[in-house]
Protein backbone atom coordinates (compact mmCIF):
# COMPACT_ATOMS: atom_id res chain seq x y z
CA MET A 1 0.01 0.01 0.00
CA ASN A 2 2.73 2.40 0.88
CA THR A 3 4.45 1.67 -2.38
CA ARG A 4 1.29 2.38 -4.34
CA LYS A 5 0.75 5.67 -2.49
CA ALA A 6 4.29 6.73 -3.27
CA ASN A 7 3.79 5.87 -6.92
CA ILE A 8 0.51 7.77 -7.01
CA LYS A 9 2.18 10.87 -5.64
CA GLN A 10 5.12 10.76 -8.08
CA PRO A 11 3.38 12.42 -11.08
CA GLY A 12 2.54 15.40 -8.91
CA ILE A 13 6.13 15.62 -7.71
CA LEU A 14 7.41 15.46 -11.31
CA ALA A 15 4.95 18.16 -12.35
CA ASP A 16 6.17 20.38 -9.51
CA ARG A 17 9.79 19.85 -10.58
CA GLN A 18 8.95 20.66 -14.20
CA THR A 19 7.18 23.81 -13.11
CA ALA A 20 10.19 24.84 -11.01
CA ASN A 21 12.54 24.18 -13.92
CA SER A 22 10.33 26.19 -16.28
CA ARG A 23 10.33 29.06 -13.84
CA SER A 24 14.13 28.92 -13.61
CA VAL A 25 14.40 29.06 -17.41
CA VAL A 26 11.99 32.00 -17.60
CA ARG A 27 13.87 33.78 -14.82
CA ALA A 28 17.21 33.32 -16.65
CA LEU A 29 15.72 34.59 -19.90
CA LEU A 30 14.30 37.64 -18.15
CA GLN A 31 17.69 38.36 -16.56
CA ALA A 32 19.38 38.09 -19.95
CA PHE A 33 16.78 40.41 -21.45
CA VAL A 34 17.31 42.98 -18.69
CA ILE A 35 21.09 42.86 -19.17
CA THR A 36 20.64 43.38 -22.90
CA MET A 37 18.30 46.33 -22.44
CA VAL A 38 20.45 48.05 -19.82
CA THR A 39 23.89 47.55 -21.39
CA GLY A 40 22.90 47.42 -25.02
CA LEU A 41 25.02 44.27 -25.40
CA PRO A 42 23.80 40.74 -26.05
CA ALA A 43 23.98 38.77 -22.81
CA TYR A 44 24.86 35.51 -24.57
CA SER A 45 28.30 36.45 -25.89
CA ALA A 46 30.99 39.08 -25.90
CA PRO A 47 31.34 41.20 -29.05
CA ASP A 48 34.16 40.53 -31.49
CA LEU A 49 36.69 43.27 -32.09
CA VAL A 50 37.26 44.18 -35.72
CA SER A 51 40.80 43.53 -36.88
CA ASP A 52 42.92 46.13 -38.66
CA ASP A 53 42.49 44.20 -41.90
CA ASP A 54 38.78 45.06 -41.83
CA LEU A 55 39.41 48.82 -41.74
CA PHE A 56 40.81 51.44 -44.11
CA SER A 57 44.34 52.79 -43.74
CA GLY A 58 44.50 55.88 -41.60
CA PHE A 59 41.52 54.88 -39.48
CA SER A 60 43.44 54.71 -36.22
CA GLU A 61 44.91 58.19 -36.78
CA THR A 62 41.69 59.92 -37.92
CA CYS A 63 38.96 58.02 -36.05
CA SER A 64 40.55 55.81 -33.37
CA GLN A 65 37.22 54.52 -32.01
CA LYS A 66 37.01 50.90 -30.99
CA ILE A 67 34.95 48.95 -33.52
CA ILE A 68 33.04 45.84 -32.48
CA TYR A 69 30.79 43.35 -34.20
CA ARG A 70 27.41 43.08 -32.51
CA PRO A 71 23.91 42.38 -33.84
CA THR A 72 22.20 45.72 -34.43
CA ALA A 73 18.94 46.63 -36.13
CA ARG A 74 20.53 49.40 -38.19
CA VAL A 75 23.54 47.37 -39.41
CA SER A 76 25.90 49.99 -37.96
CA GLN A 77 25.74 52.65 -35.32
CA ALA A 78 27.91 55.07 -33.34
CA GLU A 79 27.54 55.06 -29.56
CA HIS A 80 29.41 55.16 -26.26
CA ASP A 81 30.30 52.17 -24.08
CA GLU A 82 29.63 51.89 -20.35
CA ASN A 83 32.80 53.90 -19.66
CA GLY A 84 31.81 56.73 -21.98
CA ASN A 85 34.30 55.78 -24.70
CA GLU A 86 33.29 56.20 -28.33
CA VAL A 87 32.65 52.94 -30.14
CA ILE A 88 31.41 51.92 -33.56
CA VAL A 89 29.12 48.91 -33.79
CA LEU A 90 28.94 46.80 -36.97
CA ASP A 91 26.51 43.98 -37.52
CA PRO A 92 28.19 40.54 -37.90
CA SER A 93 26.70 40.25 -41.41
CA LEU A 94 29.39 42.74 -42.48
CA LYS A 95 32.13 40.20 -41.76
CA SER A 96 31.63 38.66 -45.16
CA PRO A 97 34.39 39.45 -47.70
CA ALA A 98 31.61 40.37 -50.13
CA GLU A 99 30.61 43.16 -47.73
CA LYS A 100 34.09 44.76 -47.56
CA SER A 101 33.16 47.98 -49.41
CA ARG A 102 30.03 48.40 -47.32
CA ARG A 103 31.92 47.62 -44.10
CA ILE A 104 34.56 50.26 -44.86
CA PHE A 105 31.98 52.89 -45.80
CA LEU A 106 29.84 52.28 -42.72
CA ALA A 107 32.89 52.39 -40.43
CA ALA A 108 33.77 55.78 -41.92
CA HIS A 109 30.16 56.91 -41.73
CA GLU A 110 29.90 56.10 -38.01
CA CYS A 111 33.31 57.66 -37.39
CA ALA A 112 31.93 60.89 -38.90
CA HIS A 113 29.03 60.87 -36.43
CA HIS A 114 31.55 60.87 -33.59
CA LEU A 115 33.80 63.51 -35.20
CA PHE A 116 30.89 65.89 -35.79
CA GLY A 117 29.61 65.46 -32.25
CA HIS A 118 26.37 63.78 -33.27
CA THR A 119 26.76 61.25 -30.46
CA SER A 120 27.38 63.87 -27.77
CA ALA A 121 24.61 64.86 -25.39
CA GLU A 122 23.94 68.01 -27.38
CA GLY A 123 24.00 66.15 -30.71
CA LEU A 124 21.57 63.53 -29.46
CA ILE A 125 19.20 66.18 -28.14
CA GLU A 126 19.26 67.98 -31.51
CA ARG A 127 18.68 64.70 -33.30
CA ARG A 128 15.66 63.97 -31.15
CA TYR A 129 14.00 67.39 -31.02
CA VAL A 130 15.14 69.49 -33.96
CA VAL A 131 13.07 68.94 -37.13
CA GLY A 132 15.23 67.74 -40.00
CA MET A 133 18.31 67.15 -37.85
CA ILE A 134 18.35 63.35 -38.36
CA ALA A 135 18.51 63.76 -42.15
CA LYS A 136 21.13 66.50 -41.83
CA GLN A 137 23.36 64.41 -39.60
CA GLU A 138 23.06 61.34 -41.81
CA LEU A 139 23.93 63.22 -44.99
CA MET A 140 26.87 64.91 -43.25
CA ALA A 141 28.20 61.51 -42.21
CA ASP A 142 27.61 60.05 -45.70
CA CYS A 143 29.46 62.95 -47.33
CA TRP A 144 32.41 62.89 -44.97
CA ALA A 145 32.84 59.13 -45.34
CA ALA A 146 32.68 59.19 -49.15
CA GLU A 147 34.98 62.22 -49.50
CA TYR A 148 37.49 60.92 -46.97
CA LEU A 149 37.71 57.50 -48.63
CA GLY A 150 37.96 59.18 -52.02
CA ARG A 151 40.95 61.24 -50.85
CA LEU A 152 42.58 58.02 -49.61
CA GLY A 153 41.79 56.20 -52.84
CA GLN A 154 40.02 53.55 -50.80
CA GLY A 155 36.49 52.46 -50.19
CA GLY A 156 36.22 49.72 -52.82
CA ASP A 157 33.25 49.91 -55.15
CA MET A 158 31.64 53.15 -54.03
CA ALA A 159 29.31 53.01 -57.02
CA ALA A 160 27.72 49.91 -55.50
CA ILE A 161 27.26 51.77 -52.22
CA ALA A 162 25.51 54.65 -53.96
CA GLU A 163 23.37 52.32 -56.04
CA SER A 164 22.29 50.38 -52.97
CA PHE A 165 20.97 53.65 -51.56
CA TYR A 166 19.42 54.69 -54.87
CA ARG A 167 17.44 51.46 -55.18
CA ARG A 168 15.64 52.34 -51.96
CA GLY A 169 14.18 55.38 -53.71
CA ARG A 170 12.14 57.96 -51.86
CA LEU A 171 10.27 55.45 -49.73
CA TYR A 172 13.38 54.98 -47.60
CA ALA A 173 12.79 58.39 -45.99
CA VAL A 174 11.20 57.20 -42.71
CA ASN A 175 11.59 58.33 -39.11
CA GLY A 176 13.34 61.48 -40.24
CA TYR A 177 16.03 59.73 -42.32
CA PRO A 178 16.92 61.03 -45.78
CA SER A 179 15.65 59.17 -48.81
CA GLY A 180 17.78 56.62 -50.58
CA ILE A 181 18.00 58.95 -53.58
CA GLU A 182 19.29 61.81 -51.41
CA ARG A 183 21.91 59.56 -49.88
CA ALA A 184 23.00 58.13 -53.24
CA LEU A 185 23.47 61.62 -54.73
CA THR A 186 25.39 62.77 -51.66
CA VAL A 187 27.73 59.79 -51.75
CA ARG A 188 28.44 60.26 -55.44
CA ARG A 189 29.04 64.01 -55.17
CA CYS A 190 31.34 63.76 -52.15
CA TRP A 191 33.23 60.76 -53.52
CA ARG A 192 34.03 62.72 -56.68
CA LYS A 193 35.16 65.67 -54.55
CA GLY A 194 37.50 63.36 -52.62
CA LEU A 195 38.93 61.90 -55.86
CA LYS A 196 39.53 65.39 -57.20
CA THR A 197 41.36 66.41 -54.07
CA ARG A 198 43.48 63.25 -54.30
CA ARG A 199 44.42 64.00 -57.89
CA ASN A 200 45.35 67.60 -57.05
CA GLU A 201 47.47 66.54 -54.07
CA SER A 202 49.03 63.54 -55.81
CA PRO A 203 49.02 64.02 -59.60
CA THR A 204 50.63 60.63 -60.11
CA ALA A 205 48.11 58.74 -57.99
CA ASP A 206 45.91 56.23 -59.74
CA GLU A 207 42.32 57.44 -59.99
CA ASN A 208 39.70 55.13 -58.63
CA ALA A 209 37.18 55.36 -61.43
CA SER A 210 34.39 53.37 -59.88
CA PHE A 211 31.91 56.04 -61.02
CA SER A 212 33.38 56.48 -64.48
CA ASP A 213 30.55 54.79 -66.38
CA ARG A 214 27.85 54.50 -63.76
CA SER A 215 27.50 57.85 -62.03
CA ASP A 216 24.82 59.62 -64.04
């Protein structure tokens, strides 16, 4: 009889254990979620640092921000870490060799946000409350990145960068961001300006003619 009673009670005991385990799992997930929301970093792994091979020459002298790979909704972003240091976040999808041109451009774009003070307290307030400031800041960063890389003779296929913006058309202008067409025209104009400066400063330098047949 005692054995039967013990056996009868076992399913209830197992159910209680399963419930306790489920609660532990839910509690752990909630803790991970809170850590992610507070720090901005995924709780499941540390971010990967980008190696020098992933950047453009002169980055450390001009920009110097730490660049990390971390999943981000906007593919790239400029921010500050928990110690207040400037960092540039790139989505892991940009690790692919096929994404090299885009990776270089976005690193320069986010560097520009830091250089222009867009990530400072004042810059963030302007971005949030001043009408048209988001578009202005984005186009400033696009232009600086394209012109700077043009002067260096780097950046890979900048025509592909501009065309990727252009394909988004005018519908890309959401949440205050400039349209894809605006960004494409800005990248093309500023890239040409950078190439022109490069030619004037170094007449013997090879011209990167990535826009030669595709710019108009």
